[in-house]
């Protein structure tokens, strides 16, 4: 008993985009790229308690040519940066990136010359996952959000139009203007209790 039992005439109509999105999100294979303590939480997510196999993601590829998802788990050093980029370039298209943990996303507590201050300086990031380290449940939530993004991804000319629309929306955004400081009175406007200068000590010395 499957979906065919629910259809009135055994025919299901859909679009190529939805069918390709469903196939892609159901066959995501992650590349093993654990760099620091976040990798422990990544391994815990693959265990029986959290079970990444429910998404068909239990196969962690040791070769980037058979992977389409890079989970950057931990801080990225300057020495590791070219290796990370090379592995990303060798992954099959289409490919996605999850930045797992605050160290991968922004450098975290390691604000120094040895650590890359955000993996998005090296590769495009699809999902940013906060935490130090984030729990396996948070990683599962990020994967579900990534599945939703993959499912609704446009194809062909629709994809190009979507990218153009997002770029124009970013260009139309105005910078936030934050007004700080208190209102300063006019030079000739004295305080009724402080005299002409508006300063009590200065007025008392003038007297």
N, C-alpha and C. Protein backbone atom coordinates (compact mmCIF):
# COMPACT_ATOMS: atom_id res chain seq x y z
N UNK A 1 0.86 -1.19 0.00
CA UNK A 1 0.00 0.00 0.00
C UNK A 1 0.89 1.23 0.00
N UNK A 2 0.76 2.06 -1.03
CA UNK A 2 1.59 3.24 -1.15
C UNK A 2 0.78 4.41 -1.63
N UNK A 3 1.48 5.36 -2.26
CA UNK A 3 0.80 6.58 -2.71
C UNK A 3 -0.17 6.28 -3.85
N UNK A 4 0.08 5.20 -4.58
CA UNK A 4 -0.82 4.89 -5.70
C UNK A 4 -2.23 4.55 -5.22
N UNK A 5 -2.36 4.12 -3.97
CA UNK A 5 -3.69 3.81 -3.43
C UNK A 5 -4.49 5.08 -3.13
N UNK A 6 -3.80 6.20 -2.98
CA UNK A 6 -4.46 7.46 -2.65
C UNK A 6 -4.87 8.24 -3.89
N UNK A 7 -4.36 7.85 -5.06
CA UNK A 7 -4.65 8.59 -6.28
C UNK A 7 -5.96 8.10 -6.89
N UNK A 8 -6.77 9.01 -7.40
CA UNK A 8 -8.07 8.59 -7.95
C UNK A 8 -7.94 7.75 -9.22
N UNK A 9 -6.96 8.08 -10.08
CA UNK A 9 -6.86 7.35 -11.34
C UNK A 9 -5.46 6.80 -11.61
N UNK A 10 -4.60 6.81 -10.60
CA UNK A 10 -3.25 6.30 -10.77
C UNK A 10 -2.33 7.24 -11.50
N UNK A 11 -2.71 8.51 -11.66
CA UNK A 11 -1.90 9.50 -12.37
C UNK A 11 -1.57 10.64 -11.42
N UNK A 12 -0.32 11.03 -11.39
CA UNK A 12 0.14 12.11 -10.54
C UNK A 12 0.80 13.17 -11.41
N UNK A 13 0.30 14.40 -11.34
CA UNK A 13 0.84 15.50 -12.13
C UNK A 13 1.70 16.39 -11.24
N UNK A 14 2.86 16.76 -11.75
CA UNK A 14 3.76 17.65 -11.02
C UNK A 14 4.63 18.38 -12.03
N UNK A 15 5.53 19.20 -11.55
CA UNK A 15 6.45 19.94 -12.43
C UNK A 15 7.85 19.31 -12.34
N UNK A 16 8.66 19.62 -13.33
CA UNK A 16 10.03 19.10 -13.35
C UNK A 16 10.82 19.65 -12.16
N UNK A 17 10.58 20.91 -11.81
CA UNK A 17 11.28 21.51 -10.68
C UNK A 17 10.98 20.78 -9.38
N UNK A 18 9.70 20.48 -9.15
CA UNK A 18 9.31 19.79 -7.91
C UNK A 18 9.84 18.36 -7.88
N UNK A 19 9.81 17.69 -9.02
CA UNK A 19 10.31 16.32 -9.07
C UNK A 19 11.82 16.28 -8.86
N UNK A 20 12.55 17.19 -9.52
CA UNK A 20 14.00 17.25 -9.34
C UNK A 20 14.36 17.66 -7.91
N UNK A 21 13.60 18.60 -7.35
CA UNK A 21 13.85 19.02 -5.97
C UNK A 21 13.61 17.90 -4.98
N UNK A 22 12.56 17.13 -5.20
CA UNK A 22 12.27 16.00 -4.30
C UNK A 22 13.37 14.95 -4.38
N UNK A 23 13.85 14.67 -5.60
CA UNK A 23 14.91 13.68 -5.77
C UNK A 23 16.22 14.17 -5.15
N UNK A 24 16.51 15.45 -5.31
CA UNK A 24 17.77 15.98 -4.78
C UNK A 24 17.77 16.00 -3.25
N UNK A 25 16.67 16.45 -2.66
CA UNK A 25 16.66 16.56 -1.20
C UNK A 25 16.62 15.20 -0.53
N UNK A 26 16.18 14.18 -1.26
CA UNK A 26 16.10 12.84 -0.68
C UNK A 26 17.37 12.03 -0.90
N UNK A 27 18.38 12.60 -1.55
CA UNK A 27 19.60 11.85 -1.83
C UNK A 27 20.84 12.70 -1.58
N UNK A 28 20.82 13.46 -0.48
CA UNK A 28 21.97 14.29 -0.14
C UNK A 28 23.02 13.43 0.54
N UNK A 29 24.24 13.47 0.03
CA UNK A 29 25.35 12.72 0.60
C UNK A 29 26.37 13.70 1.15
N UNK A 30 26.60 13.71 2.45
CA UNK A 30 27.56 14.67 3.02
C UNK A 30 29.00 14.20 2.85
N UNK A 31 29.89 15.16 2.78
CA UNK A 31 31.33 14.90 2.77
C UNK A 31 31.86 15.01 4.19
N UNK A 32 32.75 14.10 4.56
CA UNK A 32 33.32 14.12 5.91
C UNK A 32 34.33 15.26 5.99
N UNK A 33 34.02 16.25 6.82
CA UNK A 33 34.91 17.40 6.97
C UNK A 33 34.82 17.93 8.39
N UNK A 34 35.21 17.10 9.35
CA UNK A 34 35.23 17.52 10.74
C UNK A 34 36.56 18.15 11.10
N UNK A 35 36.55 19.35 11.66
CA UNK A 35 37.77 20.10 11.92
C UNK A 35 38.05 20.28 13.40
N UNK A 36 37.02 20.29 14.24
CA UNK A 36 37.24 20.57 15.66
C UNK A 36 36.12 19.89 16.47
N UNK A 37 35.82 20.46 17.63
CA UNK A 37 34.89 19.81 18.55
C UNK A 37 33.49 19.69 17.99
N UNK A 38 33.10 20.52 17.01
CA UNK A 38 31.78 20.38 16.40
C UNK A 38 31.63 19.04 15.68
N UNK A 39 32.75 18.46 15.27
CA UNK A 39 32.70 17.17 14.59
C UNK A 39 32.19 16.07 15.51
N UNK A 40 32.38 16.21 16.83
CA UNK A 40 31.86 15.22 17.77
C UNK A 40 30.33 15.23 17.74
N UNK A 41 29.75 16.43 17.70
CA UNK A 41 28.29 16.54 17.61
C UNK A 41 27.80 16.04 16.25
N UNK A 42 28.59 16.24 15.20
CA UNK A 42 28.24 15.73 13.89
C UNK A 42 28.22 14.21 13.88
N UNK A 43 29.19 13.60 14.53
CA UNK A 43 29.19 12.13 14.63
C UNK A 43 28.05 11.62 15.49
N UNK A 44 27.71 12.39 16.53
CA UNK A 44 26.58 11.98 17.37
C UNK A 44 25.27 12.03 16.59
N UNK A 45 25.15 12.98 15.65
CA UNK A 45 23.93 13.06 14.83
C UNK A 45 23.78 11.84 13.94
N UNK A 46 24.89 11.19 13.60
CA UNK A 46 24.81 9.99 12.78
C UNK A 46 24.60 8.73 13.57
N UNK A 47 24.57 8.83 14.90
CA UNK A 47 24.36 7.66 15.74
C UNK A 47 22.91 7.23 15.80
N UNK A 48 22.64 6.16 16.54
CA UNK A 48 21.26 5.62 16.58
C UNK A 48 20.27 6.52 17.32
N UNK A 49 20.73 7.40 18.20
CA UNK A 49 19.80 8.25 18.95
C UNK A 49 19.16 9.30 18.05
N UNK A 50 19.94 9.90 17.15
CA UNK A 50 19.43 10.96 16.27
C UNK A 50 19.22 10.47 14.84
N UNK A 51 20.06 9.55 14.37
CA UNK A 51 19.77 8.78 13.15
C UNK A 51 19.63 9.63 11.89
N UNK A 52 20.78 10.00 11.33
CA UNK A 52 20.76 10.70 10.05
C UNK A 52 20.24 9.82 8.92
N UNK A 53 20.17 8.51 9.15
CA UNK A 53 19.71 7.61 8.09
C UNK A 53 18.25 7.84 7.74
N UNK A 54 17.50 8.50 8.60
CA UNK A 54 16.10 8.79 8.27
C UNK A 54 15.99 9.72 7.06
N UNK A 55 17.07 10.49 6.80
CA UNK A 55 17.10 11.37 5.63
C UNK A 55 17.87 10.74 4.47
N UNK A 56 18.34 9.51 4.62
CA UNK A 56 19.17 8.89 3.60
C UNK A 56 20.56 9.48 3.54
N UNK A 57 21.07 9.99 4.67
CA UNK A 57 22.35 10.69 4.70
C UNK A 57 23.38 9.95 5.54
N UNK A 58 23.16 8.66 5.78
CA UNK A 58 24.10 7.93 6.62
C UNK A 58 25.42 7.63 5.91
N UNK A 59 25.44 7.77 4.59
CA UNK A 59 26.65 7.50 3.83
C UNK A 59 27.50 8.77 3.76
N UNK A 60 28.54 8.80 4.57
CA UNK A 60 29.47 9.93 4.55
C UNK A 60 30.58 9.62 3.55
N UNK A 61 30.66 10.40 2.50
CA UNK A 61 31.59 10.11 1.41
C UNK A 61 33.01 10.50 1.79
N UNK A 62 33.93 9.59 1.56
CA UNK A 62 35.35 9.89 1.73
C UNK A 62 35.95 10.48 0.48
N UNK A 63 35.22 10.49 -0.61
CA UNK A 63 35.66 11.15 -1.82
C UNK A 63 34.70 12.28 -2.15
N UNK A 64 35.20 13.46 -2.42
CA UNK A 64 34.30 14.60 -2.68
C UNK A 64 33.49 14.44 -3.96
N UNK A 65 33.93 13.61 -4.90
CA UNK A 65 33.22 13.46 -6.17
C UNK A 65 31.91 12.69 -6.00
N UNK A 66 31.71 12.07 -4.85
CA UNK A 66 30.46 11.37 -4.57
C UNK A 66 29.68 12.05 -3.44
N UNK A 67 29.93 13.33 -3.23
CA UNK A 67 29.24 14.09 -2.19
C UNK A 67 28.71 15.39 -2.77
N UNK A 68 27.61 15.86 -2.21
CA UNK A 68 27.05 17.15 -2.64
C UNK A 68 26.71 18.07 -1.47
N UNK A 69 27.08 17.69 -0.26
CA UNK A 69 26.87 18.54 0.92
C UNK A 69 28.14 18.55 1.76
N UNK A 70 28.66 19.75 1.99
CA UNK A 70 29.82 19.91 2.88
C UNK A 70 29.35 20.51 4.19
N UNK A 71 29.55 19.77 5.28
CA UNK A 71 29.23 20.27 6.62
C UNK A 71 30.56 20.65 7.26
N UNK A 72 30.84 21.95 7.31
CA UNK A 72 32.08 22.44 7.89
C UNK A 72 31.89 22.50 9.40
N UNK A 73 32.43 21.50 10.10
CA UNK A 73 32.21 21.35 11.54
C UNK A 73 33.48 21.77 12.27
N UNK A 74 33.55 23.03 12.68
CA UNK A 74 34.69 23.50 13.45
C UNK A 74 35.42 24.64 12.78
N UNK A 75 36.43 25.13 13.48
CA UNK A 75 37.20 26.27 13.00
C UNK A 75 38.04 25.88 11.78
N UNK A 76 38.24 26.85 10.89
CA UNK A 76 39.03 26.63 9.68
C UNK A 76 40.31 27.44 9.80
N UNK A 77 41.44 26.77 9.84
CA UNK A 77 42.72 27.46 9.92
C UNK A 77 43.15 27.93 8.53
N UNK A 78 44.12 28.82 8.51
CA UNK A 78 44.62 29.33 7.23
C UNK A 78 45.29 28.21 6.44
N UNK A 79 45.90 27.25 7.11
CA UNK A 79 46.53 26.12 6.41
C UNK A 79 45.48 25.19 5.82
N UNK A 80 44.32 25.08 6.49
CA UNK A 80 43.27 24.19 5.99
C UNK A 80 42.43 24.85 4.91
N UNK A 81 42.48 26.16 4.78
CA UNK A 81 41.62 26.87 3.84
C UNK A 81 41.79 26.39 2.39
N UNK A 82 43.00 26.28 1.85
CA UNK A 82 43.09 25.80 0.46
C UNK A 82 42.63 24.37 0.28
N UNK A 83 42.79 23.53 1.32
CA UNK A 83 42.31 22.15 1.24
C UNK A 83 40.79 22.12 1.19
N UNK A 84 40.16 22.95 2.03
CA UNK A 84 38.70 23.01 2.03
C UNK A 84 38.18 23.47 0.67
N UNK A 85 38.82 24.48 0.10
CA UNK A 85 38.36 24.97 -1.20
C UNK A 85 38.56 23.92 -2.30
N UNK A 86 39.65 23.18 -2.23
CA UNK A 86 39.89 22.16 -3.24
C UNK A 86 38.85 21.05 -3.16
N UNK A 87 38.51 20.64 -1.94
CA UNK A 87 37.48 19.61 -1.78
C UNK A 87 36.14 20.12 -2.28
N UNK A 88 35.83 21.39 -1.99
CA UNK A 88 34.57 21.96 -2.48
C UNK A 88 34.52 21.97 -4.00
N UNK A 89 35.62 22.34 -4.63
CA UNK A 89 35.66 22.38 -6.09
C UNK A 89 35.51 21.00 -6.71
N UNK A 90 35.92 19.95 -6.00
CA UNK A 90 35.83 18.60 -6.53
C UNK A 90 34.47 17.95 -6.29
N UNK A 91 33.62 18.57 -5.50
CA UNK A 91 32.29 18.00 -5.25
C UNK A 91 31.41 18.16 -6.47
N UNK A 92 30.46 17.27 -6.58
CA UNK A 92 29.57 17.27 -7.75
C UNK A 92 28.51 18.35 -7.62
N UNK A 93 28.09 18.87 -8.75
CA UNK A 93 27.04 19.89 -8.81
C UNK A 93 25.66 19.22 -8.92
N UNK A 94 24.64 19.84 -8.34
CA UNK A 94 24.65 21.00 -7.44
C UNK A 94 25.13 20.60 -6.05
N UNK A 95 25.72 21.55 -5.34
CA UNK A 95 26.30 21.26 -4.03
C UNK A 95 25.93 22.36 -3.04
N UNK A 96 25.94 21.98 -1.78
CA UNK A 96 25.51 22.90 -0.72
C UNK A 96 26.49 22.83 0.43
N UNK A 97 26.45 23.88 1.29
CA UNK A 97 27.37 23.98 2.42
C UNK A 97 26.58 24.38 3.66
N UNK A 98 26.83 23.66 4.76
CA UNK A 98 26.32 24.03 6.08
C UNK A 98 27.51 24.43 6.94
N UNK A 99 27.48 25.65 7.47
CA UNK A 99 28.52 26.12 8.38
C UNK A 99 28.08 25.78 9.80
N UNK A 100 28.71 24.76 10.40
CA UNK A 100 28.27 24.23 11.69
C UNK A 100 29.11 24.83 12.81
N UNK A 101 28.47 25.61 13.66
CA UNK A 101 29.14 26.19 14.81
C UNK A 101 29.60 27.61 14.56
N UNK A 102 29.78 28.34 15.65
CA UNK A 102 30.15 29.75 15.54
C UNK A 102 31.58 29.91 15.02
N UNK A 103 32.46 28.94 15.28
CA UNK A 103 33.85 29.06 14.81
C UNK A 103 33.91 28.99 13.29
N UNK A 104 33.11 28.10 12.69
CA UNK A 104 33.09 28.01 11.23
C UNK A 104 32.39 29.22 10.62
N UNK A 105 31.39 29.74 11.31
CA UNK A 105 30.60 30.83 10.75
C UNK A 105 31.30 32.18 10.84
N UNK A 106 32.01 32.44 11.95
CA UNK A 106 32.60 33.77 12.13
C UNK A 106 33.96 33.75 12.81
N UNK A 107 34.56 32.61 13.00
CA UNK A 107 35.83 32.54 13.71
C UNK A 107 35.68 32.31 15.20
N UNK A 108 34.49 32.65 15.74
CA UNK A 108 34.22 32.39 17.15
C UNK A 108 35.18 33.12 18.07
N UNK A 109 35.65 32.39 19.08
CA UNK A 109 36.56 32.97 20.07
C UNK A 109 37.98 33.11 19.53
N UNK A 110 38.24 32.51 18.36
CA UNK A 110 39.58 32.53 17.79
C UNK A 110 39.72 33.72 16.84
N UNK A 111 39.77 34.91 17.41
CA UNK A 111 39.91 36.14 16.63
C UNK A 111 41.39 36.45 16.48
N UNK A 112 42.07 35.68 15.63
CA UNK A 112 43.50 35.86 15.44
C UNK A 112 43.87 35.57 13.99
N UNK A 113 45.15 35.72 13.69
CA UNK A 113 45.63 35.61 12.31
C UNK A 113 45.60 34.18 11.79
N UNK A 114 45.52 33.18 12.66
CA UNK A 114 45.64 31.78 12.24
C UNK A 114 44.33 31.17 11.79
N UNK A 115 43.19 31.79 12.14
CA UNK A 115 41.88 31.21 11.88
C UNK A 115 41.13 32.08 10.87
N UNK A 116 40.50 31.45 9.88
CA UNK A 116 39.68 32.16 8.91
C UNK A 116 38.42 32.66 9.63
N UNK A 117 38.15 33.95 9.53
CA UNK A 117 37.02 34.57 10.23
C UNK A 117 35.72 34.38 9.43
N UNK A 118 35.32 33.14 9.30
CA UNK A 118 34.09 32.82 8.56
C UNK A 118 34.41 32.03 7.31
N UNK A 119 33.81 30.83 7.22
CA UNK A 119 34.09 29.98 6.06
C UNK A 119 33.49 30.54 4.78
N UNK A 120 32.59 31.53 4.91
CA UNK A 120 32.02 32.14 3.71
C UNK A 120 33.04 33.00 2.96
N UNK A 121 34.23 33.19 3.53
CA UNK A 121 35.32 33.81 2.78
C UNK A 121 35.90 32.84 1.75
N UNK A 122 35.61 31.55 1.91
CA UNK A 122 36.18 30.53 1.05
C UNK A 122 35.15 29.90 0.12
N UNK A 123 33.98 29.56 0.64
CA UNK A 123 32.94 28.88 -0.13
C UNK A 123 31.60 29.54 0.17
N UNK A 124 30.65 29.47 -0.75
CA UNK A 124 29.31 30.01 -0.46
C UNK A 124 28.57 29.12 0.53
N UNK A 125 27.97 29.74 1.53
CA UNK A 125 27.30 29.01 2.61
C UNK A 125 25.79 29.11 2.42
N UNK A 126 25.10 27.98 2.55
CA UNK A 126 23.64 27.96 2.43
C UNK A 126 22.95 28.08 3.78
N UNK A 127 23.46 27.40 4.80
CA UNK A 127 22.83 27.41 6.12
C UNK A 127 23.92 27.71 7.16
N UNK A 128 23.66 28.72 8.01
CA UNK A 128 24.54 29.01 9.14
C UNK A 128 23.92 28.41 10.40
N UNK A 129 24.72 27.61 11.11
CA UNK A 129 24.23 26.92 12.31
C UNK A 129 24.99 27.47 13.51
N UNK A 130 24.34 28.24 14.40
CA UNK A 130 25.03 28.81 15.55
C UNK A 130 25.25 27.77 16.64
N UNK A 131 26.01 28.18 17.66
CA UNK A 131 26.24 27.31 18.80
C UNK A 131 27.71 26.99 18.97
N UNK A 132 28.08 26.61 20.20
CA UNK A 132 29.48 26.29 20.51
C UNK A 132 29.54 25.19 21.57
N UNK A 133 29.47 23.94 21.15
CA UNK A 133 29.09 23.48 19.80
C UNK A 133 27.58 23.31 19.72
N UNK A 134 27.00 23.34 18.53
CA UNK A 134 25.55 23.08 18.39
C UNK A 134 25.23 21.62 18.65
N UNK A 135 24.11 21.38 19.24
CA UNK A 135 23.70 20.00 19.54
C UNK A 135 23.25 19.29 18.27
N UNK A 136 23.21 17.95 18.29
CA UNK A 136 22.76 17.22 17.09
C UNK A 136 21.35 17.60 16.64
N UNK A 137 20.48 17.95 17.60
CA UNK A 137 19.13 18.37 17.22
C UNK A 137 19.16 19.63 16.37
N UNK A 138 20.08 20.53 16.68
CA UNK A 138 20.21 21.76 15.88
C UNK A 138 20.72 21.45 14.49
N UNK A 139 21.63 20.49 14.37
CA UNK A 139 22.10 20.10 13.05
C UNK A 139 20.97 19.47 12.24
N UNK A 140 20.14 18.64 12.88
CA UNK A 140 19.00 18.05 12.17
C UNK A 140 18.04 19.13 11.69
N UNK A 141 17.83 20.16 12.52
CA UNK A 141 16.96 21.27 12.10
C UNK A 141 17.55 22.01 10.91
N UNK A 142 18.88 22.21 10.91
CA UNK A 142 19.53 22.86 9.77
C UNK A 142 19.40 22.01 8.51
N UNK A 143 19.50 20.70 8.65
CA UNK A 143 19.36 19.82 7.49
C UNK A 143 17.93 19.87 6.94
N UNK A 144 16.94 19.92 7.83
CA UNK A 144 15.55 20.03 7.37
C UNK A 144 15.34 21.34 6.62
N UNK A 145 15.90 22.43 7.13
CA UNK A 145 15.79 23.73 6.44
C UNK A 145 16.50 23.68 5.08
N UNK A 146 17.64 22.99 5.02
CA UNK A 146 18.33 22.86 3.75
C UNK A 146 17.51 22.02 2.78
N UNK A 147 16.85 20.97 3.26
CA UNK A 147 15.98 20.17 2.40
C UNK A 147 14.86 21.01 1.82
N UNK A 148 14.29 21.89 2.63
CA UNK A 148 13.23 22.77 2.15
C UNK A 148 13.77 23.72 1.08
N UNK A 149 14.99 24.20 1.27
CA UNK A 149 15.60 25.09 0.28
C UNK A 149 15.86 24.34 -1.03
N UNK A 150 16.33 23.10 -0.93
CA UNK A 150 16.60 22.30 -2.13
C UNK A 150 15.29 21.97 -2.85
N UNK A 151 14.25 21.65 -2.08
CA UNK A 151 12.97 21.28 -2.67
C UNK A 151 12.38 22.42 -3.49
N UNK A 152 12.57 23.65 -3.05
CA UNK A 152 11.96 24.80 -3.72
C UNK A 152 12.94 25.56 -4.62
N UNK A 153 14.07 24.95 -4.94
CA UNK A 153 15.04 25.62 -5.79
C UNK A 153 14.55 25.64 -7.24
N UNK A 154 14.70 26.79 -7.88
CA UNK A 154 14.28 26.94 -9.26
C UNK A 154 15.32 26.34 -10.20
N UNK A 155 14.89 26.09 -11.44
CA UNK A 155 15.77 25.52 -12.45
C UNK A 155 15.77 26.40 -13.70
N UNK A 156 16.89 26.35 -14.43
CA UNK A 156 16.97 27.01 -15.73
C UNK A 156 16.76 28.51 -15.66
N UNK A 157 15.88 29.00 -16.55
CA UNK A 157 15.62 30.44 -16.62
C UNK A 157 14.97 30.95 -15.34
N UNK A 158 14.16 30.12 -14.69
CA UNK A 158 13.55 30.52 -13.43
C UNK A 158 14.60 30.73 -12.35
N UNK A 159 15.64 29.91 -12.38
CA UNK A 159 16.73 30.06 -11.41
C UNK A 159 17.47 31.38 -11.64
N UNK A 160 17.75 31.70 -12.88
CA UNK A 160 18.43 32.96 -13.18
C UNK A 160 17.58 34.16 -12.78
N UNK A 161 16.28 34.08 -13.02
CA UNK A 161 15.39 35.18 -12.63
C UNK A 161 15.34 35.32 -11.10
N UNK A 162 15.35 34.20 -10.38
CA UNK A 162 15.33 34.25 -8.92
C UNK A 162 16.60 34.89 -8.38
N UNK A 163 17.76 34.53 -8.96
CA UNK A 163 19.02 35.12 -8.52
C UNK A 163 19.04 36.62 -8.78
N UNK A 164 18.55 37.03 -9.95
CA UNK A 164 18.49 38.45 -10.28
C UNK A 164 17.57 39.20 -9.32
N UNK A 165 16.45 38.61 -8.97
CA UNK A 165 15.52 39.25 -8.05
C UNK A 165 16.13 39.40 -6.66
N UNK A 166 16.83 38.38 -6.19
CA UNK A 166 17.47 38.46 -4.88
C UNK A 166 18.58 39.51 -4.87
N UNK A 167 19.34 39.58 -5.95
CA UNK A 167 20.39 40.59 -6.03
C UNK A 167 19.82 42.00 -6.01
N UNK A 168 18.73 42.23 -6.76
CA UNK A 168 18.11 43.56 -6.77
C UNK A 168 17.52 43.90 -5.41
N UNK A 169 16.97 42.90 -4.72
CA UNK A 169 16.42 43.16 -3.39
C UNK A 169 17.52 43.56 -2.41
N UNK A 170 18.70 42.93 -2.52
CA UNK A 170 19.81 43.31 -1.65
C UNK A 170 20.31 44.72 -1.98
N UNK A 171 20.32 45.08 -3.26
CA UNK A 171 20.78 46.41 -3.64
C UNK A 171 19.81 47.50 -3.19
N UNK A 172 18.54 47.16 -3.08
CA UNK A 172 17.54 48.16 -2.67
C UNK A 172 17.50 48.37 -1.17
N UNK A 173 18.16 47.52 -0.43
CA UNK A 173 18.14 47.66 1.03
C UNK A 173 18.89 48.91 1.46
N UNK A 174 18.32 49.64 2.40
CA UNK A 174 18.94 50.86 2.91
C UNK A 174 19.69 50.55 4.19
N UNK A 175 20.81 51.22 4.41
CA UNK A 175 21.54 50.99 5.67
C UNK A 175 20.75 51.53 6.85
N UNK A 176 20.92 50.87 7.98
CA UNK A 176 20.25 51.30 9.20
C UNK A 176 20.93 52.56 9.73
N UNK A 177 20.13 53.55 10.11
CA UNK A 177 20.65 54.80 10.66
C UNK A 177 20.34 54.81 12.15
N UNK A 178 21.38 54.81 12.94
CA UNK A 178 21.22 54.80 14.40
C UNK A 178 21.62 56.17 14.92
N UNK A 179 20.67 56.86 15.55
CA UNK A 179 20.93 58.18 16.10
C UNK A 179 21.33 58.04 17.56
N UNK A 180 22.50 58.55 17.89
CA UNK A 180 22.99 58.49 19.26
C UNK A 180 23.25 59.89 19.78
N UNK A 181 23.33 60.03 21.11
CA UNK A 181 23.59 61.33 21.72
C UNK A 181 22.32 62.04 22.11
N UNK A 182 22.46 62.97 23.02
CA UNK A 182 21.32 63.74 23.49
C UNK A 182 21.21 65.06 22.73
N UNK A 183 20.03 65.61 22.79
CA UNK A 183 19.79 66.90 22.13
C UNK A 183 20.56 68.00 22.85
N UNK A 184 21.33 68.75 22.09
CA UNK A 184 22.11 69.84 22.66
C UNK A 184 21.33 71.16 22.52
N UNK A 185 21.17 71.91 23.61
CA UNK A 185 20.42 73.18 23.50
C UNK A 185 21.23 74.22 22.74
N UNK A 186 20.55 75.24 22.26
CA UNK A 186 21.20 76.33 21.54
C UNK A 186 22.14 77.08 22.48
N UNK A 187 23.21 77.73 21.97
CA UNK A 187 24.18 78.40 22.85
C UNK A 187 23.58 79.50 23.68
N UNK A 188 22.57 80.22 23.16
CA UNK A 188 22.01 81.35 23.91
C UNK A 188 20.83 80.94 24.76
N UNK A 189 20.46 79.67 24.76
CA UNK A 189 19.30 79.23 25.53
C UNK A 189 19.79 78.73 26.88
N UNK A 190 19.69 79.54 27.92
CA UNK A 190 20.12 79.15 29.24
C UNK A 190 19.07 78.35 29.98
N UNK A 191 19.52 77.63 30.99
CA UNK A 191 18.59 76.87 31.81
C UNK A 191 17.98 77.81 32.85
N UNK A 192 16.69 77.71 33.11
CA UNK A 192 16.06 78.66 34.04
C UNK A 192 16.63 78.58 35.44
N UNK A 193 17.21 77.45 35.84
CA UNK A 193 17.74 77.32 37.19
C UNK A 193 19.25 77.54 37.24
N UNK A 194 19.92 77.58 36.09
CA UNK A 194 21.38 77.63 36.08
C UNK A 194 21.93 78.94 35.56
N UNK A 195 21.13 79.85 35.12
CA UNK A 195 21.63 81.11 34.63
C UNK A 195 21.84 81.11 33.14
N UNK A 196 22.62 82.10 32.65
CA UNK A 196 22.74 82.32 31.22
C UNK A 196 23.51 81.20 30.54
N UNK A 197 24.57 80.67 31.15
CA UNK A 197 25.39 79.67 30.49
C UNK A 197 24.80 78.28 30.56
N UNK A 198 23.85 78.05 31.46
CA UNK A 198 23.28 76.73 31.61
C UNK A 198 24.14 75.80 32.43
N UNK A 199 25.22 76.27 33.05
CA UNK A 199 26.09 75.45 33.86
C UNK A 199 26.19 76.06 35.25
N UNK A 200 25.80 75.37 36.33
CA UNK A 200 25.73 75.99 37.66
C UNK A 200 27.09 76.43 38.19
N UNK A 201 28.16 75.62 37.98
CA UNK A 201 29.47 75.98 38.52
C UNK A 201 30.04 77.19 37.81
N UNK A 202 29.85 77.26 36.50
CA UNK A 202 30.37 78.40 35.73
C UNK A 202 29.67 79.68 36.14
N UNK A 203 28.34 79.65 36.34
CA UNK A 203 27.61 80.85 36.74
C UNK A 203 28.02 81.31 38.13
N UNK A 204 28.28 80.38 39.04
CA UNK A 204 28.66 80.79 40.39
C UNK A 204 30.04 81.44 40.39
N UNK A 205 30.98 80.96 39.53
CA UNK A 205 32.29 81.58 39.47
C UNK A 205 32.21 82.98 38.87
N UNK A 206 31.29 83.17 37.88
CA UNK A 206 31.15 84.49 37.28
C UNK A 206 30.60 85.51 38.25
N UNK A 207 29.77 85.05 39.20
CA UNK A 207 29.26 85.97 40.21
C UNK A 207 30.35 86.38 41.19
